[in-house]
C-alpha atoms as a PDB file:
ATOM      1  CA  MET A   1     121.638 106.609  86.131  1.00  0.00           C
ATOM      2  CA  ALA A   2     122.278 102.896  86.567  1.00  0.00           C
ATOM      3  CA  GLU A   3     119.622 100.247  86.050  1.00  0.00           C
ATOM      4  CA  PHE A   4     119.701  97.564  88.716  1.00  0.00           C
ATOM      5  CA  ASP A   5     117.829  94.270  88.604  1.00  0.00           C
ATOM      6  CA  PHE A   6     117.477  91.720  91.364  1.00  0.00           C
ATOM      7  CA  GLU A   7     117.340  87.938  91.094  1.00  0.00           C
ATOM      8  CA  ARG A   8     115.968  86.302  94.233  1.00  0.00           C
ATOM      9  CA  GLU A   9     118.104  83.470  95.591  1.00  0.00           C
ATOM     10  CA  VAL A  10     116.224  82.626  98.766  1.00  0.00           C
ATOM     11  CA  ARG A  11     113.254  83.760 100.832  1.00  0.00           C
ATOM     12  CA  THR A  12     112.280  82.905 104.401  1.00  0.00           C
ATOM     13  CA  PRO A  13     109.560  84.410 106.606  1.00  0.00           C
ATOM     14  CA  TYR A  14     112.044  86.996 107.939  1.00  0.00           C
ATOM     15  CA  SER A  15     114.694  87.410 105.246  1.00  0.00           C
ATOM     16  CA  GLU A  16     115.460  87.482 101.542  1.00  0.00           C
ATOM     17  CA  ALA A  17     118.661  87.286  99.487  1.00  0.00           C
ATOM     18  CA  TYR A  18     119.206  88.586  95.957  1.00  0.00           C
ATOM     19  CA  THR A  19     121.916  88.704  93.335  1.00  0.00           C
ATOM     20  CA  ILE A  20     122.299  92.287  92.090  1.00  0.00           C
ATOM     21  CA  LEU A  21     122.528  92.657  88.315  1.00  0.00           C
ATOM     22  CA  GLU A  22     123.526  95.639  86.204  1.00  0.00           C
ATOM     23  CA  ASP A  23     123.222  95.154  82.440  1.00  0.00           C
ATOM     24  CA  ASP A  24     122.810  91.393  83.021  1.00  0.00           C
ATOM     25  CA  ARG A  25     126.155  91.268  84.885  1.00  0.00           C
ATOM     26  CA  ALA A  26     126.281  90.210  88.534  1.00  0.00           C
ATOM     27  CA  ILE A  27     127.721  93.109  90.545  1.00  0.00           C
ATOM     28  CA  GLY A  28     126.853  92.052  94.070  1.00  0.00           C
ATOM     29  CA  ARG A  29     124.525  90.480  96.576  1.00  0.00           C
ATOM     30  CA  VAL A  30     122.037  91.860  99.069  1.00  0.00           C
ATOM     31  CA  ASP A  31     120.672  90.087 102.150  1.00  0.00           C
ATOM     32  CA  ILE A  32     117.609  91.657 103.787  1.00  0.00           C
ATOM     33  CA  HIS A  33     116.572  90.761 107.335  1.00  0.00           C
ATOM     34  CA  PHE A  34     113.256  91.964 108.727  1.00  0.00           C
ATOM     35  CA  SER A  35     112.871  92.475 112.473  1.00  0.00           C
ATOM     36  CA  PHE A  36     110.152  94.121 114.551  1.00  0.00           C
ATOM     37  CA  SER A  37     110.885  97.764 113.697  1.00  0.00           C
ATOM     38  CA  VAL A  38     114.234  97.669 111.878  1.00  0.00           C
ATOM     39  CA  VAL A  39     115.260  96.263 108.514  1.00  0.00           C
ATOM     40  CA  HIS A  40     118.905  95.222 108.265  1.00  0.00           C
ATOM     41  CA  VAL A  41     120.488  95.079 104.812  1.00  0.00           C
ATOM     42  CA  THR A  42     123.870  93.486 104.190  1.00  0.00           C
ATOM     43  CA  LEU A  43     125.255  94.727 100.900  1.00  0.00           C
ATOM     44  CA  ALA A  44     128.314  93.360  99.083  1.00  0.00           C
ATOM     45  CA  VAL A  45     129.145  94.988  95.733  1.00  0.00           C
ATOM     46  CA  ASP A  46     131.829  94.994  93.075  1.00  0.00           C
ATOM     47  CA  GLU A  47     134.652  97.369  93.959  1.00  0.00           C
ATOM     48  CA  SER A  48     134.206  99.231  90.656  1.00  0.00           C
ATOM     49  CA  LEU A  49     130.972 100.889  91.856  1.00  0.00           C
ATOM     50  CA  THR A  50     131.254 104.540  92.811  1.00  0.00           C
ATOM     51  CA  GLN A  51     129.856 105.999  96.040  1.00  0.00           C
ATOM     52  CA  GLY A  52     127.101 107.602  93.954  1.00  0.00           C
ATOM     53  CA  SER A  53     126.181 104.277  92.360  1.00  0.00           C
ATOM     54  CA  ILE A  54     126.144 102.579  95.759  1.00  0.00           C
ATOM     55  CA  GLN A  55     123.795 105.226  97.177  1.00  0.00           C
ATOM     56  CA  GLU A  56     121.563 104.857  94.119  1.00  0.00           C
ATOM     57  CA  LEU A  57     121.587 101.086  94.664  1.00  0.00           C
ATOM     58  CA  ILE A  58     120.622 101.500  98.336  1.00  0.00           C
ATOM     59  CA  ASN A  59     117.724 103.769  97.319  1.00  0.00           C
ATOM     60  CA  THR A  60     116.588 101.215  94.733  1.00  0.00           C
ATOM     61  CA  ILE A  61     116.758  98.395  97.296  1.00  0.00           C
ATOM     62  CA  ASP A  62     114.703 100.489  99.724  1.00  0.00           C
ATOM     63  CA  ASP A  63     112.081 101.329  97.088  1.00  0.00           C
ATOM     64  CA  GLU A  64     111.842  98.042  95.188  1.00  0.00           C
ATOM     65  CA  LEU A  65     112.645  95.348  97.759  1.00  0.00           C
ATOM     66  CA  VAL A  66     111.968  96.699 101.251  1.00  0.00           C
ATOM     67  CA  ASP A  67     108.989  99.043 100.844  1.00  0.00           C
ATOM     68  CA  VAL A  68     106.984  96.617  98.684  1.00  0.00           C
ATOM     69  CA  VAL A  69     107.000  94.027 101.476  1.00  0.00           C
ATOM     70  CA  GLY A  70     104.828  96.346 103.552  1.00  0.00           C
ATOM     71  CA  VAL A  71     106.773  96.062 106.783  1.00  0.00           C
ATOM     72  CA  ASN A  72     106.179  98.950 109.163  1.00  0.00           C
ATOM     73  CA  ARG A  73     109.718  99.949 109.965  1.00  0.00           C
ATOM     74  CA  GLU A  74     111.280 102.773 111.838  1.00  0.00           C
ATOM     75  CA  GLU A  75     114.776 102.330 110.435  1.00  0.00           C
ATOM     76  CA  LEU A  76     116.715 100.829 107.538  1.00  0.00           C
ATOM     77  CA  ILE A  77     120.294  99.932 108.462  1.00  0.00           C
ATOM     78  CA  VAL A  78     122.720  99.066 105.669  1.00  0.00           C
ATOM     79  CA  HIS A  79     125.877  97.117 106.520  1.00  0.00           C
END
């Protein structure tokens, strides 16, 4: 199981952007945009990540970055 950390780059009232770190190595970037009932996530990762690691990363983003904001959302869309 991979350990992902996030380093915030920018925050606005409706969005956030983070560098994704694994073992202190940058492996990607995530941009999160909050709208009325949908959260859009744009995810760019190193090509060496497996599909399983990417799904684990999406789950971690949902749990640690999206849910903690407290936005009532109906859907999380990952691009």
